[in-house]
């Protein structure tokens, strides 16, 4: 089964995306920060993909960029903010529907080994 890490400070975004992914048969782990993501990796959990909200703590670090290069990633941000994202990261601008995020995550994990 695929596992997606959802890193978002906004708990309503995190919970909504997680719930819809689980409804679609994709396991999802909600995390508040990149530190939480690092702890999940250290505990042996390996995601198929990442969904990261720009407001989550630690998203603008070299370590975060390295993780976005390592795992297929989707990044949700405001148009007012500027981000230097690694090549290949899908960028969605707010306002965005939870359903749109879920659709893009499903596109990412389709065809990837679980």
PDB file of N, CA and C in Angstrom:
ATOM      1  N   UNK A   1       0.843  -1.182   0.000  1.00  0.00           N
ATOM      2  CA  UNK A   1       0.000   0.000   0.000  1.00  0.00           C
ATOM      3  C   UNK A   1       0.889   1.246   0.000  1.00  0.00           C
ATOM      4  N   UNK A   2       0.473   2.239  -0.749  1.00  0.00           N
ATOM      5  CA  UNK A   2       1.205   3.503  -0.780  1.00  0.00           C
ATOM      6  C   UNK A   2       1.035   4.245   0.540  1.00  0.00           C
ATOM      7  N   UNK A   3       2.061   4.990   0.921  1.00  0.00           N
ATOM      8  CA  UNK A   3       2.022   5.830   2.109  1.00  0.00           C
ATOM      9  C   UNK A   3       2.443   7.237   1.701  1.00  0.00           C
ATOM     10  N   UNK A   4       1.598   8.208   2.007  1.00  0.00           N
ATOM     11  CA  UNK A   4       1.896   9.601   1.697  1.00  0.00           C
ATOM     12  C   UNK A   4       2.048  10.359   3.012  1.00  0.00           C
ATOM     13  N   UNK A   5       3.133  11.102   3.134  1.00  0.00           N
ATOM     14  CA  UNK A   5       3.318  11.984   4.290  1.00  0.00           C
ATOM     15  C   UNK A   5       2.700  13.331   3.929  1.00  0.00           C
ATOM     16  N   UNK A   6       1.805  13.807   4.769  1.00  0.00           N
ATOM     17  CA  UNK A   6       1.164  15.103   4.585  1.00  0.00           C
ATOM     18  C   UNK A   6       1.707  16.033   5.652  1.00  0.00           C
ATOM     19  N   UNK A   7       2.530  16.979   5.246  1.00  0.00           N
ATOM     20  CA  UNK A   7       3.163  17.903   6.182  1.00  0.00           C
ATOM     21  C   UNK A   7       2.474  19.260   6.031  1.00  0.00           C
ATOM     22  N   UNK A   8       1.691  19.639   7.057  1.00  0.00           N
ATOM     23  CA  UNK A   8       0.949  20.888   6.989  1.00  0.00           C
ATOM     24  C   UNK A   8       0.689  21.428   8.388  1.00  0.00           C
ATOM     25  N   UNK A   9       0.927  22.711   8.546  1.00  0.00           N
ATOM     26  CA  UNK A   9       0.613  23.370   9.816  1.00  0.00           C
ATOM     27  C   UNK A   9      -0.900  23.486   9.969  1.00  0.00           C
ATOM     28  N   UNK A  10      -1.600  23.720   8.862  1.00  0.00           N
ATOM     29  CA  UNK A  10      -3.056  23.860   8.846  1.00  0.00           C
ATOM     30  C   UNK A  10      -3.697  22.487   9.067  1.00  0.00           C
ATOM     31  N   UNK A  11      -4.222  22.264  10.265  1.00  0.00           N
ATOM     32  CA  UNK A  11      -4.740  20.933  10.596  1.00  0.00           C
ATOM     33  C   UNK A  11      -5.952  20.569   9.750  1.00  0.00           C
ATOM     34  N   UNK A  12      -6.738  21.554   9.312  1.00  0.00           N
ATOM     35  CA  UNK A  12      -7.901  21.217   8.490  1.00  0.00           C
ATOM     36  C   UNK A  12      -7.463  20.718   7.110  1.00  0.00           C
ATOM     37  N   UNK A  13      -6.418  21.314   6.566  1.00  0.00           N
ATOM     38  CA  UNK A  13      -5.867  20.840   5.296  1.00  0.00           C
ATOM     39  C   UNK A  13      -5.292  19.442   5.471  1.00  0.00           C
ATOM     40  N   UNK A  14      -4.497  19.273   6.506  1.00  0.00           N
ATOM     41  CA  UNK A  14      -3.848  17.982   6.786  1.00  0.00           C
ATOM     42  C   UNK A  14      -4.899  16.882   6.969  1.00  0.00           C
ATOM     43  N   UNK A  15      -5.922  17.151   7.774  1.00  0.00           N
ATOM     44  CA  UNK A  15      -6.947  16.142   8.059  1.00  0.00           C
ATOM     45  C   UNK A  15      -7.794  15.849   6.822  1.00  0.00           C
ATOM     46  N   UNK A  16      -8.138  16.879   6.058  1.00  0.00           N
ATOM     47  CA  UNK A  16      -8.955  16.678   4.868  1.00  0.00           C
ATOM     48  C   UNK A  16      -8.255  15.854   3.810  1.00  0.00           C
ATOM     49  N   UNK A  17      -7.002  16.195   3.536  1.00  0.00           N
ATOM     50  CA  UNK A  17      -6.232  15.440   2.531  1.00  0.00           C
ATOM     51  C   UNK A  17      -6.037  14.007   2.995  1.00  0.00           C
ATOM     52  N   UNK A  18      -5.703  13.841   4.262  1.00  0.00           N
ATOM     53  CA  UNK A  18      -5.485  12.494   4.817  1.00  0.00           C
ATOM     54  C   UNK A  18      -6.756  11.650   4.685  1.00  0.00           C
ATOM     55  N   UNK A  19      -7.894  12.208   5.070  1.00  0.00           N
ATOM     56  CA  UNK A  19      -9.148  11.460   5.017  1.00  0.00           C
ATOM     57  C   UNK A  19      -9.507  11.060   3.588  1.00  0.00           C
ATOM     58  N   UNK A  20      -9.369  11.988   2.644  1.00  0.00           N
ATOM     59  CA  UNK A  20      -9.721  11.663   1.256  1.00  0.00           C
ATOM     60  C   UNK A  20      -8.772  10.638   0.648  1.00  0.00           C
ATOM     61  N   UNK A  21      -7.483  10.742   0.968  1.00  0.00           N
ATOM     62  CA  UNK A  21      -6.538   9.738   0.457  1.00  0.00           C
ATOM     63  C   UNK A  21      -6.873   8.357   1.008  1.00  0.00           C
ATOM     64  N   UNK A  22      -7.196   8.293   2.288  1.00  0.00           N
ATOM     65  CA  UNK A  22      -7.543   7.000   2.886  1.00  0.00           C
ATOM     66  C   UNK A  22      -8.810   6.428   2.244  1.00  0.00           C
ATOM     67  N   UNK A  23      -9.768   7.296   1.902  1.00  0.00           N
ATOM     68  CA  UNK A  23     -10.977   6.848   1.205  1.00  0.00           C
ATOM     69  C   UNK A  23     -10.634   6.240  -0.159  1.00  0.00           C
ATOM     70  N   UNK A  24      -9.551   6.701  -0.762  1.00  0.00           N
ATOM     71  CA  UNK A  24      -9.124   6.223  -2.080  1.00  0.00           C
ATOM     72  C   UNK A  24      -8.167   5.032  -1.976  1.00  0.00           C
ATOM     73  N   UNK A  25      -7.940   4.535  -0.752  1.00  0.00           N
ATOM     74  CA  UNK A  25      -7.087   3.364  -0.564  1.00  0.00           C
ATOM     75  C   UNK A  25      -5.607   3.667  -0.451  1.00  0.00           C
ATOM     76  N   UNK A  26      -5.274   4.921  -0.159  1.00  0.00           N
ATOM     77  CA  UNK A  26      -3.869   5.309   0.007  1.00  0.00           C
ATOM     78  C   UNK A  26      -3.663   5.686   1.465  1.00  0.00           C
ATOM     79  N   UNK A  27      -2.734   5.026   2.128  1.00  0.00           N
ATOM     80  CA  UNK A  27      -2.448   5.342   3.520  1.00  0.00           C
ATOM     81  C   UNK A  27      -1.784   6.716   3.589  1.00  0.00           C
ATOM     82  N   UNK A  28      -2.103   7.478   4.602  1.00  0.00           N
ATOM     83  CA  UNK A  28      -1.557   8.827   4.725  1.00  0.00           C
ATOM     84  C   UNK A  28      -1.256   9.120   6.195  1.00  0.00           C
ATOM     85  N   UNK A  29      -0.142   9.777   6.416  1.00  0.00           N
ATOM     86  CA  UNK A  29       0.285  10.142   7.759  1.00  0.00           C
ATOM     87  C   UNK A  29       0.353  11.659   7.837  1.00  0.00           C
ATOM     88  N   UNK A  30      -0.420  12.260   8.729  1.00  0.00           N
ATOM     89  CA  UNK A  30      -0.430  13.700   8.903  1.00  0.00           C
ATOM     90  C   UNK A  30       0.663  14.142   9.868  1.00  0.00           C
ATOM     91  N   UNK A  31       1.454  15.129   9.445  1.00  0.00           N
ATOM     92  CA  UNK A  31       2.573  15.642  10.237  1.00  0.00           C
ATOM     93  C   UNK A  31       2.529  17.162  10.250  1.00  0.00           C
ATOM     94  N   UNK A  32       2.938  17.765  11.369  1.00  0.00           N
ATOM     95  CA  UNK A  32       2.883  19.223  11.488  1.00  0.00           C
ATOM     96  C   UNK A  32       4.129  19.934  10.990  1.00  0.00           C
ATOM     97  N   UNK A  33       5.273  19.255  10.950  1.00  0.00           N
ATOM     98  CA  UNK A  33       6.526  19.922  10.596  1.00  0.00           C
ATOM     99  C   UNK A  33       7.474  18.954   9.891  1.00  0.00           C
ATOM    100  N   UNK A  34       8.526  19.537   9.338  1.00  0.00           N
ATOM    101  CA  UNK A  34       9.548  18.715   8.698  1.00  0.00           C
ATOM    102  C   UNK A  34      10.314  17.902   9.749  1.00  0.00           C
ATOM    103  N   UNK A  35      10.382  18.403  10.982  1.00  0.00           N
ATOM    104  CA  UNK A  35      10.991  17.614  12.060  1.00  0.00           C
ATOM    105  C   UNK A  35      10.191  16.343  12.310  1.00  0.00           C
ATOM    106  N   UNK A  36       8.854  16.464  12.283  1.00  0.00           N
ATOM    107  CA  UNK A  36       8.006  15.279  12.446  1.00  0.00           C
ATOM    108  C   UNK A  36       8.244  14.295  11.309  1.00  0.00           C
ATOM    109  N   UNK A  37       8.426  14.819  10.101  1.00  0.00           N
ATOM    110  CA  UNK A  37       8.715  13.968   8.954  1.00  0.00           C
ATOM    111  C   UNK A  37      10.041  13.219   9.172  1.00  0.00           C
ATOM    112  N   UNK A  38      11.046  13.926   9.649  1.00  0.00           N
ATOM    113  CA  UNK A  38      12.350  13.297   9.903  1.00  0.00           C
ATOM    114  C   UNK A  38      12.223  12.195  10.962  1.00  0.00           C
ATOM    115  N   UNK A  39      11.413  12.431  11.984  1.00  0.00           N
ATOM    116  CA  UNK A  39      11.217  11.413  13.027  1.00  0.00           C
ATOM    117  C   UNK A  39      10.497  10.186  12.466  1.00  0.00           C
ATOM    118  N   UNK A  40       9.526  10.394  11.569  1.00  0.00           N
ATOM    119  CA  UNK A  40       8.824   9.261  10.958  1.00  0.00           C
ATOM    120  C   UNK A  40       9.787   8.438  10.101  1.00  0.00           C
ATOM    121  N   UNK A  41      10.653   9.118   9.357  1.00  0.00           N
ATOM    122  CA  UNK A  41      11.659   8.409   8.567  1.00  0.00           C
ATOM    123  C   UNK A  41      12.617   7.632   9.470  1.00  0.00           C
ATOM    124  N   UNK A  42      13.040   8.258  10.567  1.00  0.00           N
ATOM    125  CA  UNK A  42      13.960   7.599  11.503  1.00  0.00           C
ATOM    126  C   UNK A  42      13.310   6.382  12.154  1.00  0.00           C
ATOM    127  N   UNK A  43      11.980   6.409  12.285  1.00  0.00           N
ATOM    128  CA  UNK A  43      11.248   5.287  12.870  1.00  0.00           C
ATOM    129  C   UNK A  43      11.022   4.156  11.861  1.00  0.00           C
ATOM    130  N   UNK A  44      11.496   4.356  10.629  1.00  0.00           N
ATOM    131  CA  UNK A  44      11.409   3.296   9.630  1.00  0.00           C
ATOM    132  C   UNK A  44      10.249   3.410   8.666  1.00  0.00           C
ATOM    133  N   UNK A  45       9.470   4.483   8.728  1.00  0.00           N
ATOM    134  CA  UNK A  45       8.375   4.661   7.787  1.00  0.00           C
ATOM    135  C   UNK A  45       8.926   5.311   6.521  1.00  0.00           C
ATOM    136  N   UNK A  46       8.569   4.760   5.376  1.00  0.00           N
ATOM    137  CA  UNK A  46       9.053   5.291   4.106  1.00  0.00           C
ATOM    138  C   UNK A  46       7.866   5.663   3.234  1.00  0.00           C
ATOM    139  N   UNK A  47       7.742   6.940   2.880  1.00  0.00           N
ATOM    140  CA  UNK A  47       6.603   7.357   2.063  1.00  0.00           C
ATOM    141  C   UNK A  47       6.822   7.064   0.581  1.00  0.00           C
ATOM    142  N   UNK A  48       5.721   6.936  -0.120  1.00  0.00           N
ATOM    143  CA  UNK A  48       5.756   6.872  -1.571  1.00  0.00           C
ATOM    144  C   UNK A  48       5.892   8.281  -2.119  1.00  0.00           C
ATOM    145  N   UNK A  49       5.241   9.248  -1.416  1.00  0.00           N
ATOM    146  CA  UNK A  49       5.245  10.638  -1.859  1.00  0.00           C
ATOM    147  C   UNK A  49       5.037  11.569  -0.667  1.00  0.00           C
ATOM    148  N   UNK A  50       5.312  12.856  -0.908  1.00  0.00           N
ATOM    149  CA  UNK A  50       5.136  13.889   0.109  1.00  0.00           C
ATOM    150  C   UNK A  50       4.173  14.953  -0.394  1.00  0.00           C
ATOM    151  N   UNK A  51       3.332  15.458   0.508  1.00  0.00           N
ATOM    152  CA  UNK A  51       2.534  16.650   0.250  1.00  0.00           C
ATOM    153  C   UNK A  51       2.927  17.629   1.344  1.00  0.00           C
ATOM    154  N   UNK A  52       3.464  18.789   0.959  1.00  0.00           N
ATOM    155  CA  UNK A  52       3.992  19.740   1.934  1.00  0.00           C
ATOM    156  C   UNK A  52       3.321  21.093   1.757  1.00  0.00           C
ATOM    157  N   UNK A  53       2.856  21.654   2.868  1.00  0.00           N
ATOM    158  CA  UNK A  53       2.285  22.997   2.872  1.00  0.00           C
ATOM    159  C   UNK A  53       3.408  23.974   3.215  1.00  0.00           C
ATOM    160  N   UNK A  54       3.473  25.078   2.507  1.00  0.00           N
ATOM    161  CA  UNK A  54       4.538  26.061   2.710  1.00  0.00           C
ATOM    162  C   UNK A  54       4.600  26.576   4.137  1.00  0.00           C
ATOM    163  N   UNK A  55       3.476  26.639   4.833  1.00  0.00           N
ATOM    164  CA  UNK A  55       3.460  27.160   6.194  1.00  0.00           C
ATOM    165  C   UNK A  55       4.018  26.228   7.247  1.00  0.00           C
ATOM    166  N   UNK A  56       4.265  24.985   6.898  1.00  0.00           N
ATOM    167  CA  UNK A  56       4.787  24.027   7.876  1.00  0.00           C
ATOM    168  C   UNK A  56       6.222  24.390   8.244  1.00  0.00           C
ATOM    169  N   UNK A  57       6.546  24.214   9.511  1.00  0.00           N
ATOM    170  CA  UNK A  57       7.879  24.551  10.007  1.00  0.00           C
ATOM    171  C   UNK A  57       8.952  23.709   9.327  1.00  0.00           C
ATOM    172  N   UNK A  58      10.011  24.373   8.871  1.00  0.00           N
ATOM    173  CA  UNK A  58      11.160  23.680   8.300  1.00  0.00           C
ATOM    174  C   UNK A  58      11.098  23.443   6.809  1.00  0.00           C
ATOM    175  N   UNK A  59      10.117  24.028   6.117  1.00  0.00           N
ATOM    176  CA  UNK A  59       9.983  23.744   4.689  1.00  0.00           C
ATOM    177  C   UNK A  59      11.022  24.457   3.830  1.00  0.00           C
ATOM    178  N   UNK A  60      11.668  25.473   4.359  1.00  0.00           N
ATOM    179  CA  UNK A  60      12.650  26.236   3.578  1.00  0.00           C
ATOM    180  C   UNK A  60      14.083  25.938   4.013  1.00  0.00           C
ATOM    181  N   UNK A  61      14.379  24.677   4.230  1.00  0.00           N
ATOM    182  CA  UNK A  61      15.715  24.277   4.653  1.00  0.00           C
ATOM    183  C   UNK A  61      16.354  23.384   3.585  1.00  0.00           C
ATOM    184  N   UNK A  62      17.647  23.240   3.675  1.00  0.00           N
ATOM    185  CA  UNK A  62      18.351  22.347   2.745  1.00  0.00           C
ATOM    186  C   UNK A  62      17.882  20.906   2.940  1.00  0.00           C
ATOM    187  N   UNK A  63      17.605  20.530   4.182  1.00  0.00           N
ATOM    188  CA  UNK A  63      17.130  19.167   4.463  1.00  0.00           C
ATOM    189  C   UNK A  63      15.773  18.921   3.804  1.00  0.00           C
ATOM    190  N   UNK A  64      14.890  19.925   3.839  1.00  0.00           N
ATOM    191  CA  UNK A  64      13.577  19.784   3.198  1.00  0.00           C
ATOM    192  C   UNK A  64      13.739  19.633   1.689  1.00  0.00           C
ATOM    193  N   UNK A  65      14.613  20.425   1.109  1.00  0.00           N
ATOM    194  CA  UNK A  65      14.861  20.323  -0.336  1.00  0.00           C
ATOM    195  C   UNK A  65      15.395  18.946  -0.695  1.00  0.00           C
ATOM    196  N   UNK A  66      16.279  18.422   0.129  1.00  0.00           N
ATOM    197  CA  UNK A  66      16.835  17.086  -0.116  1.00  0.00           C
ATOM    198  C   UNK A  66      15.730  16.027  -0.083  1.00  0.00           C
ATOM    199  N   UNK A  67      14.810  16.138   0.875  1.00  0.00           N
ATOM    200  CA  UNK A  67      13.707  15.180   0.955  1.00  0.00           C
ATOM    201  C   UNK A  67      12.775  15.297  -0.244  1.00  0.00           C
ATOM    202  N   UNK A  68      12.560  16.520  -0.734  1.00  0.00           N
ATOM    203  CA  UNK A  68      11.703  16.714  -1.908  1.00  0.00           C
ATOM    204  C   UNK A  68      12.372  16.186  -3.179  1.00  0.00           C
ATOM    205  N   UNK A  69      13.684  16.104  -3.183  1.00  0.00           N
ATOM    206  CA  UNK A  69      14.387  15.479  -4.315  1.00  0.00           C
ATOM    207  C   UNK A  69      14.329  13.957  -4.195  1.00  0.00           C
ATOM    208  N   UNK A  70      14.323  13.463  -2.967  1.00  0.00           N
ATOM    209  CA  UNK A  70      14.353  12.017  -2.715  1.00  0.00           C
ATOM    210  C   UNK A  70      12.994  11.353  -2.989  1.00  0.00           C
ATOM    211  N   UNK A  71      11.904  12.057  -2.641  1.00  0.00           N
ATOM    212  CA  UNK A  71      10.562  11.505  -2.796  1.00  0.00           C
ATOM    213  C   UNK A  71       9.737  12.401  -3.717  1.00  0.00           C
ATOM    214  N   UNK A  72       8.896  11.807  -4.571  1.00  0.00           N
ATOM    215  CA  UNK A  72       8.004  12.644  -5.384  1.00  0.00           C
ATOM    216  C   UNK A  72       7.198  13.552  -4.446  1.00  0.00           C
ATOM    217  N   UNK A  73       7.126  14.845  -4.786  1.00  0.00           N
ATOM    218  CA  UNK A  73       6.536  15.801  -3.855  1.00  0.00           C
ATOM    219  C   UNK A  73       5.584  16.775  -4.528  1.00  0.00           C
ATOM    220  N   UNK A  74       4.611  17.200  -3.727  1.00  0.00           N
ATOM    221  CA  UNK A  74       3.667  18.230  -4.103  1.00  0.00           C
ATOM    222  C   UNK A  74       3.759  19.313  -3.025  1.00  0.00           C
ATOM    223  N   UNK A  75       3.864  20.570  -3.426  1.00  0.00           N
ATOM    224  CA  UNK A  75       4.060  21.688  -2.505  1.00  0.00           C
ATOM    225  C   UNK A  75       2.906  22.664  -2.682  1.00  0.00           C
ATOM    226  N   UNK A  76       2.241  23.022  -1.583  1.00  0.00           N
ATOM    227  CA  UNK A  76       1.114  23.953  -1.612  1.00  0.00           C
ATOM    228  C   UNK A  76       1.568  25.265  -0.991  1.00  0.00           C
ATOM    229  N   UNK A  77       1.409  26.368  -1.742  1.00  0.00           N
ATOM    230  CA  UNK A  77       1.916  27.664  -1.277  1.00  0.00           C
ATOM    231  C   UNK A  77       1.013  28.800  -1.732  1.00  0.00           C
ATOM    232  N   UNK A  78       1.243  29.961  -1.150  1.00  0.00           N
ATOM    233  CA  UNK A  78       0.582  31.189  -1.556  1.00  0.00           C
ATOM    234  C   UNK A  78       1.339  31.784  -2.736  1.00  0.00           C
ATOM    235  N   UNK A  79       0.626  32.421  -3.637  1.00  0.00           N
ATOM    236  CA  UNK A  79       1.289  33.081  -4.769  1.00  0.00           C
ATOM    237  C   UNK A  79       2.164  34.243  -4.310  1.00  0.00           C
ATOM    238  N   UNK A  80       1.888  34.787  -3.146  1.00  0.00           N
ATOM    239  CA  UNK A  80       2.643  35.935  -2.642  1.00  0.00           C
ATOM    240  C   UNK A  80       4.050  35.548  -2.182  1.00  0.00           C
ATOM    241  N   UNK A  81       4.253  34.274  -1.867  1.00  0.00           N
ATOM    242  CA  UNK A  81       5.553  33.818  -1.381  1.00  0.00           C
ATOM    243  C   UNK A  81       6.393  33.266  -2.518  1.00  0.00           C
ATOM    244  N   UNK A  82       7.693  33.416  -2.388  1.00  0.00           N
ATOM    245  CA  UNK A  82       8.630  32.877  -3.377  1.00  0.00           C
ATOM    246  C   UNK A  82       9.374  31.702  -2.756  1.00  0.00           C
ATOM    247  N   UNK A  83       9.478  30.617  -3.512  1.00  0.00           N
ATOM    248  CA  UNK A  83      10.143  29.422  -3.025  1.00  0.00           C
ATOM    249  C   UNK A  83      11.104  28.904  -4.078  1.00  0.00           C
ATOM    250  N   UNK A  84      12.231  28.427  -3.622  1.00  0.00           N
ATOM    251  CA  UNK A  84      13.215  27.802  -4.495  1.00  0.00           C
ATOM    252  C   UNK A  84      13.058  26.297  -4.322  1.00  0.00           C
ATOM    253  N   UNK A  85      12.222  25.693  -5.170  1.00  0.00           N
ATOM    254  CA  UNK A  85      11.915  24.273  -5.044  1.00  0.00           C
ATOM    255  C   UNK A  85      12.779  23.445  -5.979  1.00  0.00           C
ATOM    256  N   UNK A  86      13.112  22.230  -5.569  1.00  0.00           N
ATOM    257  CA  UNK A  86      13.870  21.336  -6.448  1.00  0.00           C
ATOM    258  C   UNK A  86      13.074  21.013  -7.716  1.00  0.00           C
ATOM    259  N   UNK A  87      13.775  20.697  -8.773  1.00  0.00           N
ATOM    260  CA  UNK A  87      13.135  20.304 -10.040  1.00  0.00           C
ATOM    261  C   UNK A  87      12.230  19.103  -9.796  1.00  0.00           C
ATOM    262  N   UNK A  88      11.105  19.108 -10.465  1.00  0.00           N
ATOM    263  CA  UNK A  88      10.196  17.975 -10.376  1.00  0.00           C
ATOM    264  C   UNK A  88       9.129  18.097  -9.307  1.00  0.00           C
ATOM    265  N   UNK A  89       9.259  19.041  -8.386  1.00  0.00           N
ATOM    266  CA  UNK A  89       8.248  19.222  -7.347  1.00  0.00           C
ATOM    267  C   UNK A  89       7.035  19.908  -7.970  1.00  0.00           C
ATOM    268  N   UNK A  90       5.860  19.352  -7.744  1.00  0.00           N
ATOM    269  CA  UNK A  90       4.625  19.937  -8.246  1.00  0.00           C
ATOM    270  C   UNK A  90       4.223  21.051  -7.295  1.00  0.00           C
ATOM    271  N   UNK A  91       3.958  22.224  -7.841  1.00  0.00           N
ATOM    272  CA  UNK A  91       3.581  23.389  -7.044  1.00  0.00           C
ATOM    273  C   UNK A  91       2.126  23.739  -7.308  1.00  0.00           C
ATOM    274  N   UNK A  92       1.325  23.769  -6.244  1.00  0.00           N
ATOM    275  CA  UNK A  92      -0.066  24.212  -6.327  1.00  0.00           C
ATOM    276  C   UNK A  92      -0.205  25.469  -5.488  1.00  0.00           C
ATOM    277  N   UNK A  93      -0.892  26.459  -6.040  1.00  0.00           N
ATOM    278  CA  UNK A  93      -1.085  27.718  -5.328  1.00  0.00           C
ATOM    279  C   UNK A  93      -2.449  27.754  -4.650  1.00  0.00           C
ATOM    280  N   UNK A  94      -2.460  28.350  -3.454  1.00  0.00           N
ATOM    281  CA  UNK A  94      -3.720  28.618  -2.754  1.00  0.00           C
ATOM    282  C   UNK A  94      -4.435  29.744  -3.467  1.00  0.00           C
ATOM    283  N   UNK A  95      -5.749  29.762  -3.490  1.00  0.00           N
ATOM    284  CA  UNK A  95      -6.635  28.762  -2.890  1.00  0.00           C
ATOM    285  C   UNK A  95      -6.692  27.503  -3.759  1.00  0.00           C
ATOM    286  N   UNK A  96      -6.716  26.389  -3.091  1.00  0.00           N
ATOM    287  CA  UNK A  96      -6.767  25.098  -3.768  1.00  0.00           C
ATOM    288  C   UNK A  96      -7.729  24.197  -3.003  1.00  0.00           C
ATOM    289  N   UNK A  97      -8.460  23.399  -3.724  1.00  0.00           N
ATOM    290  CA  UNK A  97      -9.402  22.470  -3.091  1.00  0.00           C
ATOM    291  C   UNK A  97      -8.662  21.219  -2.628  1.00  0.00           C
ATOM    292  N   UNK A  98      -9.133  20.646  -1.535  1.00  0.00           N
ATOM    293  CA  UNK A  98      -8.566  19.393  -1.042  1.00  0.00           C
ATOM    294  C   UNK A  98      -8.652  18.330  -2.126  1.00  0.00           C
ATOM    295  N   UNK A  99      -9.770  18.297  -2.838  1.00  0.00           N
ATOM    296  CA  UNK A  99      -9.937  17.314  -3.905  1.00  0.00           C
ATOM    297  C   UNK A  99      -8.892  17.444  -4.994  1.00  0.00           C
ATOM    298  N   UNK A 100      -8.490  18.678  -5.313  1.00  0.00           N
ATOM    299  CA  UNK A 100      -7.455  18.892  -6.323  1.00  0.00           C
ATOM    300  C   UNK A 100      -6.107  18.361  -5.838  1.00  0.00           C
ATOM    301  N   UNK A 101      -5.809  18.599  -4.574  1.00  0.00           N
ATOM    302  CA  UNK A 101      -4.559  18.080  -4.000  1.00  0.00           C
ATOM    303  C   UNK A 101      -4.562  16.555  -4.066  1.00  0.00           C
ATOM    304  N   UNK A 102      -5.671  15.955  -3.664  1.00  0.00           N
ATOM    305  CA  UNK A 102      -5.780  14.492  -3.664  1.00  0.00           C
ATOM    306  C   UNK A 102      -5.616  13.941  -5.080  1.00  0.00           C
ATOM    307  N   UNK A 103      -6.249  14.579  -6.072  1.00  0.00           N
ATOM    308  CA  UNK A 103      -6.105  14.139  -7.461  1.00  0.00           C
ATOM    309  C   UNK A 103      -4.644  14.149  -7.901  1.00  0.00           C
ATOM    310  N   UNK A 104      -3.933  15.211  -7.560  1.00  0.00           N
ATOM    311  CA  UNK A 104      -2.523  15.315  -7.956  1.00  0.00           C
ATOM    312  C   UNK A 104      -1.664  14.279  -7.236  1.00  0.00           C
ATOM    313  N   UNK A 105      -1.947  14.023  -5.952  1.00  0.00           N
ATOM    314  CA  UNK A 105      -1.200  12.998  -5.213  1.00  0.00           C
ATOM    315  C   UNK A 105      -1.441  11.635  -5.847  1.00  0.00           C
ATOM    316  N   UNK A 106      -2.662  11.352  -6.218  1.00  0.00           N
ATOM    317  CA  UNK A 106      -2.970  10.069  -6.864  1.00  0.00           C
ATOM    318  C   UNK A 106      -2.211   9.942  -8.180  1.00  0.00           C
ATOM    319  N   UNK A 107      -2.128  11.030  -8.946  1.00  0.00           N
ATOM    320  CA  UNK A 107      -1.333  11.008 -10.185  1.00  0.00           C
ATOM    321  C   UNK A 107       0.129  10.689  -9.888  1.00  0.00           C
ATOM    322  N   UNK A 108       0.648  11.239  -8.803  1.00  0.00           N
ATOM    323  CA  UNK A 108       2.049  11.004  -8.431  1.00  0.00           C
ATOM    324  C   UNK A 108       2.286   9.529  -8.120  1.00  0.00           C
ATOM    325  N   UNK A 109       1.409   8.931  -7.300  1.00  0.00           N
ATOM    326  CA  UNK A 109       1.678   7.566  -6.837  1.00  0.00           C
ATOM    327  C   UNK A 109       1.282   6.485  -7.850  1.00  0.00           C
ATOM    328  N   UNK A 110       0.461   6.863  -8.833  1.00  0.00           N
ATOM    329  CA  UNK A 110       0.079   5.891  -9.869  1.00  0.00           C
ATOM    330  C   UNK A 110       1.328   5.372 -10.565  1.00  0.00           C
ATOM    331  N   UNK A 111       1.457   4.093 -10.617  1.00  0.00           N
ATOM    332  CA  UNK A 111       2.578   3.495 -11.319  1.00  0.00           C
ATOM    333  C   UNK A 111       3.844   3.350 -10.480  1.00  0.00           C
ATOM    334  N   UNK A 112       3.858   3.952  -9.288  1.00  0.00           N
ATOM    335  CA  UNK A 112       5.009   3.780  -8.409  1.00  0.00           C
ATOM    336  C   UNK A 112       4.830   2.534  -7.562  1.00  0.00           C
ATOM    337  N   UNK A 113       5.903   1.823  -7.252  1.00  0.00           N
ATOM    338  CA  UNK A 113       5.759   0.640  -6.408  1.00  0.00           C
ATOM    339  C   UNK A 113       5.299   1.044  -4.996  1.00  0.00           C
ATOM    340  N   UNK A 114       4.417   0.230  -4.438  1.00  0.00           N
ATOM    341  CA  UNK A 114       3.893   0.499  -3.094  1.00  0.00           C
ATOM    342  C   UNK A 114       4.878   0.057  -2.029  1.00  0.00           C
TER     343      UNK A 114
END
